[in-house]
């Protein structure tokens, strides 16, 4: 009977040990200062919309990441804002520019970054079929995934924008890009930003 009680106690201790170790790791992480990042990336690719020729697109983006998992390989969150400037062009005088801004949420793990974002083209100007349109706060959504190695990123991005505007017909545009970027990262300065 005593050996059975000892076996049950040993099983309980063995079951609790991983939980206690996880709690210690979580407590150690809670004591660490948050990791932050400031990045820039250049994206190029293709834009597609019904009724238009396929276009090429280029985008310059800046990332402000107040929460960024450290680059030590442990999985962690990534949250922040992305803003930038975008230009697309198809044949026959069809083109557009936009200033996209979005909130991004994602995960960073061992050399991998995955994010999703929602936002808007704060300002856009499109010339399509001879009509020039201007739009404000056209909604967009995006999904990015790729490599994150030593502060350098190579990401594949897909996004959809509903380009609503004054002076021209609204349309939905899909963009498929590949970006290369760099993120300056580390703990925030002691005492905050001055």
N, C-alpha and C. Protein backbone atom coordinates (compact mmCIF):
# COMPACT_ATOMS: atom_id res chain seq x y z
N UNK A 1 0.82 -1.19 0.00
CA UNK A 1 0.00 0.00 0.00
C UNK A 1 0.87 1.26 0.00
N UNK A 2 1.96 1.23 0.79
CA UNK A 2 2.84 2.39 0.84
C UNK A 2 3.51 2.64 -0.50
N UNK A 3 3.89 1.60 -1.22
CA UNK A 3 4.53 1.79 -2.52
C UNK A 3 3.56 2.42 -3.51
N UNK A 4 2.27 2.09 -3.40
CA UNK A 4 1.28 2.70 -4.28
C UNK A 4 1.13 4.19 -3.95
N UNK A 5 1.08 4.54 -2.65
CA UNK A 5 1.00 5.95 -2.26
C UNK A 5 2.22 6.72 -2.74
N UNK A 6 3.39 6.12 -2.62
CA UNK A 6 4.61 6.77 -3.07
C UNK A 6 4.58 6.97 -4.59
N UNK A 7 4.05 6.00 -5.32
CA UNK A 7 3.96 6.12 -6.78
C UNK A 7 3.03 7.25 -7.17
N UNK A 8 1.90 7.37 -6.46
CA UNK A 8 0.96 8.45 -6.75
C UNK A 8 1.60 9.80 -6.45
N UNK A 9 2.30 9.91 -5.32
CA UNK A 9 2.97 11.16 -4.96
C UNK A 9 4.06 11.52 -5.98
N UNK A 10 4.84 10.53 -6.38
CA UNK A 10 5.88 10.76 -7.36
C UNK A 10 5.29 11.22 -8.70
N UNK A 11 4.18 10.59 -9.10
CA UNK A 11 3.52 10.99 -10.34
C UNK A 11 3.01 12.43 -10.25
N UNK A 12 2.47 12.81 -9.09
CA UNK A 12 2.00 14.19 -8.90
C UNK A 12 3.16 15.19 -8.97
N UNK A 13 4.28 14.86 -8.33
CA UNK A 13 5.44 15.75 -8.38
C UNK A 13 5.95 15.89 -9.80
N UNK A 14 6.04 14.77 -10.53
CA UNK A 14 6.51 14.82 -11.91
C UNK A 14 5.56 15.60 -12.81
N UNK A 15 4.27 15.54 -12.51
CA UNK A 15 3.29 16.29 -13.30
C UNK A 15 3.39 17.78 -13.03
N UNK A 16 3.76 18.17 -11.80
CA UNK A 16 3.82 19.58 -11.43
C UNK A 16 5.13 20.23 -11.87
N UNK A 17 6.22 19.46 -11.98
CA UNK A 17 7.52 20.03 -12.32
C UNK A 17 7.53 20.83 -13.62
N UNK A 18 6.99 20.32 -14.74
CA UNK A 18 7.00 21.13 -15.96
C UNK A 18 6.21 22.43 -15.81
N UNK A 19 5.11 22.38 -15.07
CA UNK A 19 4.32 23.59 -14.85
C UNK A 19 5.10 24.60 -14.03
N UNK A 20 5.82 24.14 -13.01
CA UNK A 20 6.63 25.04 -12.19
C UNK A 20 7.77 25.64 -13.01
N UNK A 21 8.40 24.83 -13.85
CA UNK A 21 9.48 25.34 -14.70
C UNK A 21 8.95 26.38 -15.67
N UNK A 22 7.78 26.11 -16.25
CA UNK A 22 7.17 27.08 -17.16
C UNK A 22 6.85 28.39 -16.43
N UNK A 23 6.37 28.30 -15.19
CA UNK A 23 6.06 29.49 -14.41
C UNK A 23 7.33 30.30 -14.13
N UNK A 24 8.47 29.62 -13.86
CA UNK A 24 9.72 30.33 -13.64
C UNK A 24 10.20 31.04 -14.90
N UNK A 25 10.07 30.38 -16.05
CA UNK A 25 10.45 31.01 -17.31
C UNK A 25 9.57 32.22 -17.58
N UNK A 26 8.26 32.08 -17.35
CA UNK A 26 7.34 33.20 -17.57
C UNK A 26 7.65 34.35 -16.63
N UNK A 27 8.00 34.05 -15.37
CA UNK A 27 8.36 35.11 -14.43
C UNK A 27 9.65 35.81 -14.86
N UNK A 28 10.62 35.03 -15.36
CA UNK A 28 11.87 35.63 -15.83
C UNK A 28 11.61 36.55 -17.02
N UNK A 29 10.71 36.14 -17.92
CA UNK A 29 10.37 36.98 -19.06
C UNK A 29 9.64 38.24 -18.62
N UNK A 30 8.81 38.12 -17.57
CA UNK A 30 8.07 39.29 -17.09
C UNK A 30 9.02 40.34 -16.54
N UNK A 31 10.19 39.93 -16.01
CA UNK A 31 11.16 40.87 -15.48
C UNK A 31 11.97 41.55 -16.59
N UNK A 32 11.99 40.96 -17.80
CA UNK A 32 12.75 41.54 -18.90
C UNK A 32 12.04 42.80 -19.40
N UNK A 33 12.79 43.81 -19.82
CA UNK A 33 12.12 44.98 -20.42
C UNK A 33 11.54 44.58 -21.77
N UNK A 34 10.49 45.27 -22.22
CA UNK A 34 9.93 44.93 -23.53
C UNK A 34 10.95 45.24 -24.62
N UNK A 35 10.87 44.49 -25.68
CA UNK A 35 11.75 44.67 -26.83
C UNK A 35 11.00 45.53 -27.84
N UNK A 36 11.65 46.48 -28.48
CA UNK A 36 10.99 47.36 -29.44
C UNK A 36 11.77 47.36 -30.75
N UNK A 37 11.14 47.85 -31.81
CA UNK A 37 11.81 47.89 -33.11
C UNK A 37 11.33 49.04 -33.96
N UNK A 38 12.22 49.50 -34.82
CA UNK A 38 11.92 50.53 -35.81
C UNK A 38 12.51 50.03 -37.12
N UNK A 39 11.66 49.86 -38.14
CA UNK A 39 12.14 49.23 -39.36
C UNK A 39 11.76 49.96 -40.62
N UNK A 40 12.40 49.56 -41.70
CA UNK A 40 12.11 50.08 -43.03
C UNK A 40 12.17 48.90 -43.99
N UNK A 41 11.28 48.90 -44.99
CA UNK A 41 11.33 47.84 -45.99
C UNK A 41 10.87 48.36 -47.35
N UNK A 42 11.42 47.76 -48.40
CA UNK A 42 11.09 48.09 -49.77
C UNK A 42 10.46 46.86 -50.39
N UNK A 43 9.26 47.03 -50.96
CA UNK A 43 8.52 45.92 -51.55
C UNK A 43 8.27 46.20 -53.03
N UNK A 44 8.35 45.16 -53.85
CA UNK A 44 8.00 45.24 -55.27
C UNK A 44 7.20 44.00 -55.62
N UNK A 45 6.32 44.15 -56.62
CA UNK A 45 5.52 43.00 -57.01
C UNK A 45 4.50 43.35 -58.06
N UNK A 46 3.36 42.67 -57.99
CA UNK A 46 2.31 42.77 -58.99
C UNK A 46 0.99 43.19 -58.35
N UNK A 47 0.22 44.00 -59.09
CA UNK A 47 -1.11 44.42 -58.65
C UNK A 47 -2.12 43.95 -59.69
N UNK A 48 -3.25 43.44 -59.21
CA UNK A 48 -4.26 42.86 -60.08
C UNK A 48 -5.62 43.43 -59.70
N UNK A 49 -6.42 43.82 -60.72
CA UNK A 49 -7.79 44.29 -60.50
C UNK A 49 -8.62 43.92 -61.72
N UNK A 50 -9.90 43.61 -61.50
CA UNK A 50 -10.80 43.28 -62.61
C UNK A 50 -10.93 44.47 -63.55
N UNK A 51 -10.84 44.20 -64.84
CA UNK A 51 -11.01 45.24 -65.84
C UNK A 51 -9.76 46.05 -66.12
N UNK A 52 -8.65 45.75 -65.44
CA UNK A 52 -7.40 46.47 -65.65
C UNK A 52 -6.30 45.50 -66.04
N UNK A 53 -5.33 46.00 -66.81
CA UNK A 53 -4.15 45.18 -67.08
C UNK A 53 -3.40 44.96 -65.78
N UNK A 54 -2.70 43.83 -65.71
CA UNK A 54 -1.86 43.60 -64.54
C UNK A 54 -0.82 44.71 -64.44
N UNK A 55 -0.53 45.13 -63.22
CA UNK A 55 0.35 46.27 -62.99
C UNK A 55 1.53 45.83 -62.13
N UNK A 56 2.58 46.62 -62.14
CA UNK A 56 3.66 46.43 -61.17
C UNK A 56 3.43 47.43 -60.04
N UNK A 57 3.92 47.11 -58.86
CA UNK A 57 3.74 47.96 -57.68
C UNK A 57 5.05 48.05 -56.91
N UNK A 58 5.31 49.21 -56.34
CA UNK A 58 6.47 49.42 -55.46
C UNK A 58 5.97 50.13 -54.21
N UNK A 59 6.51 49.74 -53.06
CA UNK A 59 6.06 50.32 -51.79
C UNK A 59 7.25 50.50 -50.86
N UNK A 60 7.36 51.66 -50.24
CA UNK A 60 8.35 51.92 -49.19
C UNK A 60 7.58 52.04 -47.89
N UNK A 61 7.94 51.23 -46.89
CA UNK A 61 7.19 51.20 -45.63
C UNK A 61 8.12 51.39 -44.44
N UNK A 62 7.57 51.98 -43.41
CA UNK A 62 8.25 52.14 -42.13
C UNK A 62 7.44 51.42 -41.06
N UNK A 63 8.13 50.69 -40.18
CA UNK A 63 7.48 49.94 -39.11
C UNK A 63 7.84 50.56 -37.76
N UNK A 64 6.85 50.79 -36.94
CA UNK A 64 7.03 51.20 -35.56
C UNK A 64 6.47 50.08 -34.71
N UNK A 65 7.35 49.33 -34.02
CA UNK A 65 6.97 48.12 -33.31
C UNK A 65 7.23 48.27 -31.82
N UNK A 66 6.25 48.75 -31.04
CA UNK A 66 6.46 48.88 -29.60
C UNK A 66 6.52 47.54 -28.86
N UNK A 67 6.07 46.46 -29.49
CA UNK A 67 6.19 45.12 -28.93
C UNK A 67 6.79 44.22 -30.00
N UNK A 68 7.98 43.69 -29.71
CA UNK A 68 8.70 42.85 -30.66
C UNK A 68 9.43 41.77 -29.88
N UNK A 69 9.12 40.51 -30.18
CA UNK A 69 9.80 39.41 -29.50
C UNK A 69 11.30 39.50 -29.73
N UNK A 70 12.12 39.23 -28.72
CA UNK A 70 13.57 39.29 -28.90
C UNK A 70 14.04 38.30 -29.97
N UNK A 71 15.20 38.55 -30.60
CA UNK A 71 15.66 37.68 -31.68
C UNK A 71 16.35 36.41 -31.21
N UNK A 72 16.07 35.96 -29.99
CA UNK A 72 16.75 34.77 -29.46
C UNK A 72 16.10 33.46 -29.87
N UNK A 73 15.06 33.51 -30.70
CA UNK A 73 14.43 32.29 -31.18
C UNK A 73 13.18 31.88 -30.43
N UNK A 74 12.97 32.45 -29.24
CA UNK A 74 11.74 32.11 -28.51
C UNK A 74 10.55 32.75 -29.21
N UNK A 75 9.47 32.02 -29.42
CA UNK A 75 8.30 32.63 -30.04
C UNK A 75 7.74 33.74 -29.15
N UNK A 76 7.30 34.80 -29.78
CA UNK A 76 6.72 35.90 -29.04
C UNK A 76 5.92 36.82 -29.95
N UNK A 77 5.24 37.78 -29.34
CA UNK A 77 4.35 38.66 -30.11
C UNK A 77 5.09 39.75 -30.86
N UNK A 78 4.40 40.28 -31.83
CA UNK A 78 4.87 41.42 -32.61
C UNK A 78 3.63 42.29 -32.85
N UNK A 79 3.65 43.51 -32.39
CA UNK A 79 2.53 44.42 -32.64
C UNK A 79 3.09 45.80 -32.96
N UNK A 80 2.37 46.52 -33.78
CA UNK A 80 2.82 47.86 -34.11
C UNK A 80 2.04 48.48 -35.25
N UNK A 81 2.68 49.47 -35.86
CA UNK A 81 2.07 50.23 -36.94
C UNK A 81 3.02 50.25 -38.13
N UNK A 82 2.44 50.24 -39.32
CA UNK A 82 3.19 50.36 -40.55
C UNK A 82 2.61 51.50 -41.35
N UNK A 83 3.47 52.36 -41.88
CA UNK A 83 3.03 53.45 -42.74
C UNK A 83 3.99 53.56 -43.90
N UNK A 84 3.51 54.09 -45.01
CA UNK A 84 4.41 54.15 -46.15
C UNK A 84 3.83 54.90 -47.33
N UNK A 85 4.47 54.69 -48.49
CA UNK A 85 4.06 55.28 -49.75
C UNK A 85 4.12 54.19 -50.82
N UNK A 86 3.13 54.21 -51.71
CA UNK A 86 2.98 53.14 -52.68
C UNK A 86 2.68 53.73 -54.07
N UNK A 87 3.23 53.09 -55.11
CA UNK A 87 2.98 53.50 -56.48
C UNK A 87 2.74 52.26 -57.31
N UNK A 88 1.68 52.25 -58.11
CA UNK A 88 1.44 51.15 -59.03
C UNK A 88 1.19 51.71 -60.42
N UNK A 89 1.50 50.89 -61.42
CA UNK A 89 1.35 51.36 -62.80
C UNK A 89 1.05 50.18 -63.72
N UNK A 90 0.06 50.38 -64.58
CA UNK A 90 -0.25 49.43 -65.65
C UNK A 90 -0.06 50.17 -66.97
N UNK A 91 -0.29 49.50 -68.06
CA UNK A 91 -0.12 50.13 -69.36
C UNK A 91 -1.18 51.18 -69.65
N UNK A 92 -0.95 51.98 -70.70
CA UNK A 92 -1.93 52.93 -71.23
C UNK A 92 -2.33 54.01 -70.24
N UNK A 93 -1.38 54.55 -69.49
CA UNK A 93 -1.66 55.67 -68.59
C UNK A 93 -2.48 55.33 -67.38
N UNK A 94 -2.50 54.09 -66.96
CA UNK A 94 -3.24 53.67 -65.77
C UNK A 94 -2.24 53.53 -64.63
N UNK A 95 -2.45 54.30 -63.56
CA UNK A 95 -1.52 54.33 -62.44
C UNK A 95 -2.23 54.78 -61.18
N UNK A 96 -1.53 54.65 -60.05
CA UNK A 96 -2.07 55.12 -58.79
C UNK A 96 -0.99 55.29 -57.74
N UNK A 97 -1.27 56.16 -56.78
CA UNK A 97 -0.39 56.35 -55.63
C UNK A 97 -1.25 56.28 -54.38
N UNK A 98 -0.64 55.91 -53.26
CA UNK A 98 -1.37 55.80 -52.00
C UNK A 98 -0.42 55.96 -50.83
N UNK A 99 -1.01 56.33 -49.69
CA UNK A 99 -0.29 56.42 -48.42
C UNK A 99 -0.95 55.44 -47.44
N UNK A 100 -0.50 54.16 -47.45
CA UNK A 100 -1.12 53.17 -46.57
C UNK A 100 -0.63 53.28 -45.12
N UNK A 101 -1.56 53.09 -44.19
CA UNK A 101 -1.26 53.03 -42.75
C UNK A 101 -2.04 51.84 -42.20
N UNK A 102 -1.39 51.03 -41.36
CA UNK A 102 -2.09 49.85 -40.82
C UNK A 102 -1.57 49.46 -39.45
N UNK A 103 -2.43 48.78 -38.72
CA UNK A 103 -2.09 48.16 -37.45
C UNK A 103 -1.74 46.71 -37.76
N UNK A 104 -0.58 46.26 -37.27
CA UNK A 104 -0.16 44.88 -37.54
C UNK A 104 -0.03 44.11 -36.23
N UNK A 105 -0.40 42.85 -36.28
CA UNK A 105 -0.27 41.91 -35.17
C UNK A 105 0.36 40.66 -35.73
N UNK A 106 1.23 40.03 -34.96
CA UNK A 106 1.85 38.83 -35.47
C UNK A 106 2.69 38.10 -34.45
N UNK A 107 3.52 37.21 -34.98
CA UNK A 107 4.39 36.36 -34.16
C UNK A 107 5.78 36.36 -34.78
N UNK A 108 6.76 36.39 -33.90
CA UNK A 108 8.15 36.24 -34.32
C UNK A 108 8.71 35.03 -33.58
N UNK A 109 9.34 34.13 -34.32
CA UNK A 109 9.96 32.94 -33.73
C UNK A 109 11.33 32.78 -34.38
N UNK A 110 11.93 31.62 -34.20
CA UNK A 110 13.29 31.39 -34.70
C UNK A 110 13.39 31.69 -36.18
N UNK A 111 13.87 32.89 -36.52
CA UNK A 111 14.13 33.33 -37.89
C UNK A 111 12.88 33.41 -38.77
N UNK A 112 11.71 33.52 -38.16
CA UNK A 112 10.46 33.59 -38.91
C UNK A 112 9.61 34.73 -38.36
N UNK A 113 8.95 35.44 -39.28
CA UNK A 113 8.02 36.50 -38.87
C UNK A 113 6.74 36.33 -39.68
N UNK A 114 5.59 36.36 -38.99
CA UNK A 114 4.28 36.27 -39.62
C UNK A 114 3.42 37.38 -39.04
N UNK A 115 2.81 38.20 -39.91
CA UNK A 115 1.95 39.29 -39.43
C UNK A 115 0.69 39.39 -40.28
N UNK A 116 -0.33 39.93 -39.66
CA UNK A 116 -1.55 40.30 -40.36
C UNK A 116 -1.86 41.74 -40.01
N UNK A 117 -2.50 42.45 -40.92
CA UNK A 117 -2.77 43.85 -40.65
C UNK A 117 -4.08 44.33 -41.24
N UNK A 118 -4.63 45.35 -40.59
CA UNK A 118 -5.81 46.06 -41.07
C UNK A 118 -5.49 47.53 -41.05
N UNK A 119 -5.96 48.25 -42.05
CA UNK A 119 -5.70 49.67 -42.09
C UNK A 119 -6.43 50.34 -43.22
N UNK A 120 -5.81 51.40 -43.74
CA UNK A 120 -6.44 52.18 -44.80
C UNK A 120 -5.38 52.91 -45.61
N UNK A 121 -5.72 53.14 -46.87
CA UNK A 121 -4.96 54.09 -47.68
C UNK A 121 -5.50 55.46 -47.29
N UNK A 122 -4.75 56.17 -46.47
CA UNK A 122 -5.22 57.45 -45.93
C UNK A 122 -5.54 58.42 -47.07
N UNK A 123 -4.72 58.41 -48.10
CA UNK A 123 -4.93 59.22 -49.29
C UNK A 123 -4.54 58.39 -50.49
N UNK A 124 -5.36 58.43 -51.54
CA UNK A 124 -4.99 57.75 -52.77
C UNK A 124 -5.42 58.60 -53.96
N UNK A 125 -4.65 58.48 -55.03
CA UNK A 125 -4.98 59.10 -56.31
C UNK A 125 -4.78 58.03 -57.37
N UNK A 126 -5.81 57.78 -58.19
CA UNK A 126 -5.74 56.78 -59.25
C UNK A 126 -6.16 57.41 -60.57
N UNK A 127 -5.50 57.02 -61.63
CA UNK A 127 -5.95 57.39 -62.97
C UNK A 127 -6.23 56.08 -63.72
N UNK A 128 -7.52 55.86 -64.03
CA UNK A 128 -7.96 54.62 -64.65
C UNK A 128 -8.91 54.96 -65.80
N UNK A 129 -8.63 54.45 -67.00
CA UNK A 129 -9.47 54.68 -68.19
C UNK A 129 -9.73 56.17 -68.41
N UNK A 130 -8.71 57.00 -68.22
CA UNK A 130 -8.84 58.43 -68.46
C UNK A 130 -9.49 59.22 -67.34
N UNK A 131 -9.98 58.56 -66.29
CA UNK A 131 -10.59 59.25 -65.15
C UNK A 131 -9.61 59.29 -63.99
N UNK A 132 -9.50 60.45 -63.36
CA UNK A 132 -8.64 60.59 -62.18
C UNK A 132 -9.53 60.69 -60.95
N UNK A 133 -9.27 59.83 -59.99
CA UNK A 133 -10.04 59.81 -58.76
C UNK A 133 -9.16 60.03 -57.56
N UNK A 134 -9.76 60.63 -56.52
CA UNK A 134 -9.07 60.87 -55.25
C UNK A 134 -9.89 60.20 -54.16
N UNK A 135 -9.22 59.48 -53.28
CA UNK A 135 -9.93 58.79 -52.20
C UNK A 135 -9.25 59.00 -50.86
N UNK A 136 -10.04 58.81 -49.82
CA UNK A 136 -9.56 58.96 -48.45
C UNK A 136 -9.99 57.74 -47.64
N UNK A 137 -9.07 57.21 -46.85
CA UNK A 137 -9.34 56.11 -45.93
C UNK A 137 -9.97 54.90 -46.62
N UNK A 138 -9.38 54.49 -47.73
CA UNK A 138 -9.81 53.29 -48.43
C UNK A 138 -9.32 52.07 -47.64
N UNK A 139 -10.21 51.15 -47.24
CA UNK A 139 -9.80 50.05 -46.36
C UNK A 139 -8.86 49.06 -47.04
N UNK A 140 -7.95 48.49 -46.24
CA UNK A 140 -7.05 47.46 -46.74
C UNK A 140 -6.81 46.41 -45.67
N UNK A 141 -6.43 45.22 -46.12
CA UNK A 141 -6.04 44.13 -45.23
C UNK A 141 -4.84 43.43 -45.85
N UNK A 142 -3.93 42.93 -45.00
CA UNK A 142 -2.74 42.28 -45.54
C UNK A 142 -2.30 41.13 -44.66
N UNK A 143 -1.51 40.25 -45.26
CA UNK A 143 -0.91 39.13 -44.57
C UNK A 143 0.52 38.99 -45.10
N UNK A 144 1.50 38.93 -44.18
CA UNK A 144 2.92 38.81 -44.55
C UNK A 144 3.55 37.64 -43.81
N UNK A 145 4.49 36.99 -44.45
CA UNK A 145 5.23 35.91 -43.81
C UNK A 145 6.59 35.78 -44.48
N UNK A 146 7.60 35.40 -43.69
CA UNK A 146 8.91 35.20 -44.26
C UNK A 146 10.01 35.08 -43.25
N UNK A 147 11.22 35.39 -43.68
CA UNK A 147 12.42 35.21 -42.87
C UNK A 147 12.76 36.48 -42.10
N UNK A 148 13.29 36.30 -40.90
CA UNK A 148 13.73 37.39 -40.02
C UNK A 148 15.05 36.94 -39.40
N UNK A 149 16.17 37.32 -40.02
CA UNK A 149 17.48 36.84 -39.59
C UNK A 149 18.40 38.02 -39.34
N UNK A 150 18.88 38.16 -38.11
CA UNK A 150 19.83 39.22 -37.74
C UNK A 150 19.32 40.60 -38.17
N UNK A 151 18.06 40.88 -37.84
CA UNK A 151 17.41 42.18 -38.10
C UNK A 151 17.09 42.44 -39.56
N UNK A 152 17.39 41.50 -40.46
CA UNK A 152 17.05 41.63 -41.88
C UNK A 152 15.84 40.74 -42.15
N UNK A 153 14.84 41.31 -42.87
CA UNK A 153 13.65 40.54 -43.20
C UNK A 153 13.50 40.39 -44.71
N UNK A 154 13.01 39.23 -45.11
CA UNK A 154 12.59 38.98 -46.49
C UNK A 154 11.19 38.39 -46.36
N UNK A 155 10.18 39.18 -46.79
CA UNK A 155 8.79 38.82 -46.54
C UNK A 155 7.98 38.77 -47.83
N UNK A 156 7.10 37.79 -47.94
CA UNK A 156 6.09 37.76 -48.99
C UNK A 156 4.82 38.38 -48.41
N UNK A 157 4.17 39.24 -49.18
CA UNK A 157 3.01 39.98 -48.68
C UNK A 157 1.88 39.88 -49.70
N UNK A 158 0.68 39.65 -49.20
CA UNK A 158 -0.52 39.74 -50.04
C UNK A 158 -1.45 40.73 -49.35
N UNK A 159 -2.02 41.64 -50.13
CA UNK A 159 -2.95 42.61 -49.56
C UNK A 159 -4.07 42.91 -50.54
N UNK A 160 -5.19 43.30 -49.97
CA UNK A 160 -6.35 43.68 -50.77
C UNK A 160 -6.81 45.06 -50.30
N UNK A 161 -7.11 45.92 -51.27
CA UNK A 161 -7.55 47.29 -50.98
C UNK A 161 -8.82 47.57 -51.78
N UNK A 162 -9.79 48.14 -51.13
CA UNK A 162 -10.98 48.63 -51.84
C UNK A 162 -10.73 50.09 -52.13
N UNK A 163 -10.40 50.41 -53.36
CA UNK A 163 -10.00 51.76 -53.74
C UNK A 163 -11.25 52.56 -54.08
N UNK A 164 -11.88 53.09 -53.02
CA UNK A 164 -13.04 53.95 -53.24
C UNK A 164 -12.56 55.38 -53.38
N UNK A 165 -13.22 56.13 -54.28
CA UNK A 165 -12.69 57.43 -54.63
C UNK A 165 -13.75 58.32 -55.26
N UNK A 166 -13.43 59.58 -55.30
CA UNK A 166 -14.28 60.60 -55.92
C UNK A 166 -13.71 60.90 -57.30
N UNK A 167 -14.55 60.89 -58.33
CA UNK A 167 -14.10 61.25 -59.68
C UNK A 167 -13.80 60.07 -60.57
N UNK A 168 -13.80 58.86 -60.02
CA UNK A 168 -13.55 57.65 -60.83
C UNK A 168 -14.27 56.48 -60.16
N UNK A 169 -14.42 55.40 -60.92
CA UNK A 169 -15.10 54.22 -60.38
C UNK A 169 -14.26 53.56 -59.29
N UNK A 170 -14.94 53.06 -58.26
CA UNK A 170 -14.28 52.27 -57.21
C UNK A 170 -13.89 50.91 -57.78
N UNK A 171 -12.83 50.34 -57.23
CA UNK A 171 -12.46 48.98 -57.62
C UNK A 171 -11.65 48.33 -56.50
N UNK A 172 -11.61 47.01 -56.54
CA UNK A 172 -10.84 46.23 -55.56
C UNK A 172 -9.54 45.79 -56.22
N UNK A 173 -8.44 46.00 -55.52
CA UNK A 173 -7.13 45.68 -56.06
C UNK A 173 -6.39 44.73 -55.13
N UNK A 174 -5.82 43.68 -55.70
CA UNK A 174 -4.98 42.73 -54.97
C UNK A 174 -3.52 43.01 -55.32
N UNK A 175 -2.65 42.96 -54.31
CA UNK A 175 -1.22 43.16 -54.52
C UNK A 175 -0.45 41.99 -53.93
N UNK A 176 0.53 41.52 -54.69
CA UNK A 176 1.40 40.43 -54.26
C UNK A 176 2.83 40.94 -54.37
N UNK A 177 3.51 41.09 -53.22
CA UNK A 177 4.84 41.69 -53.24
C UNK A 177 5.85 40.84 -52.46
N UNK A 178 7.11 41.11 -52.73
CA UNK A 178 8.23 40.56 -51.98
C UNK A 178 9.00 41.75 -51.45
N UNK A 179 9.29 41.75 -50.15
CA UNK A 179 9.98 42.91 -49.56
C UNK A 179 11.27 42.48 -48.89
N UNK A 180 12.20 43.43 -48.85
CA UNK A 180 13.45 43.28 -48.11
C UNK A 180 13.51 44.45 -47.15
N UNK A 181 13.82 44.17 -45.88
CA UNK A 181 13.83 45.24 -44.89
C UNK A 181 14.87 45.05 -43.81
N UNK A 182 14.98 46.05 -42.98
CA UNK A 182 15.90 46.04 -41.84
C UNK A 182 15.16 46.62 -40.64
N UNK A 183 15.33 46.00 -39.47
CA UNK A 183 14.71 46.47 -38.24
C UNK A 183 15.79 46.77 -37.21
N UNK A 184 15.85 48.01 -36.77
CA UNK A 184 16.72 48.40 -35.65
C UNK A 184 15.94 48.04 -34.40
N UNK A 185 16.52 47.22 -33.53
CA UNK A 185 15.75 46.71 -32.40
C UNK A 185 16.58 46.62 -31.13
N UNK A 186 15.87 46.51 -30.03
CA UNK A 186 16.50 46.37 -28.73
C UNK A 186 15.55 46.79 -27.64
N UNK A 187 16.02 46.76 -26.39
CA UNK A 187 15.16 47.25 -25.30
C UNK A 187 15.00 48.76 -25.41
N UNK A 188 13.89 49.30 -24.89
CA UNK A 188 13.72 50.76 -24.94
C UNK A 188 14.75 51.44 -24.06
N UNK A 189 15.07 52.71 -24.34
CA UNK A 189 16.05 53.41 -23.50
C UNK A 189 15.54 53.54 -22.07
N UNK A 190 16.47 53.46 -21.12
CA UNK A 190 16.10 53.60 -19.71
C UNK A 190 15.56 54.99 -19.48
N UNK A 191 14.48 55.07 -18.73
CA UNK A 191 13.88 56.37 -18.45
C UNK A 191 12.95 56.83 -19.54
N UNK A 192 12.71 55.97 -20.57
CA UNK A 192 11.80 56.35 -21.65
C UNK A 192 12.46 57.21 -22.70
N UNK A 193 11.68 57.56 -23.68
CA UNK A 193 12.16 58.39 -24.79
C UNK A 193 12.04 59.85 -24.39
N UNK A 194 13.11 60.62 -24.59
CA UNK A 194 13.09 62.05 -24.20
C UNK A 194 13.15 62.92 -25.43
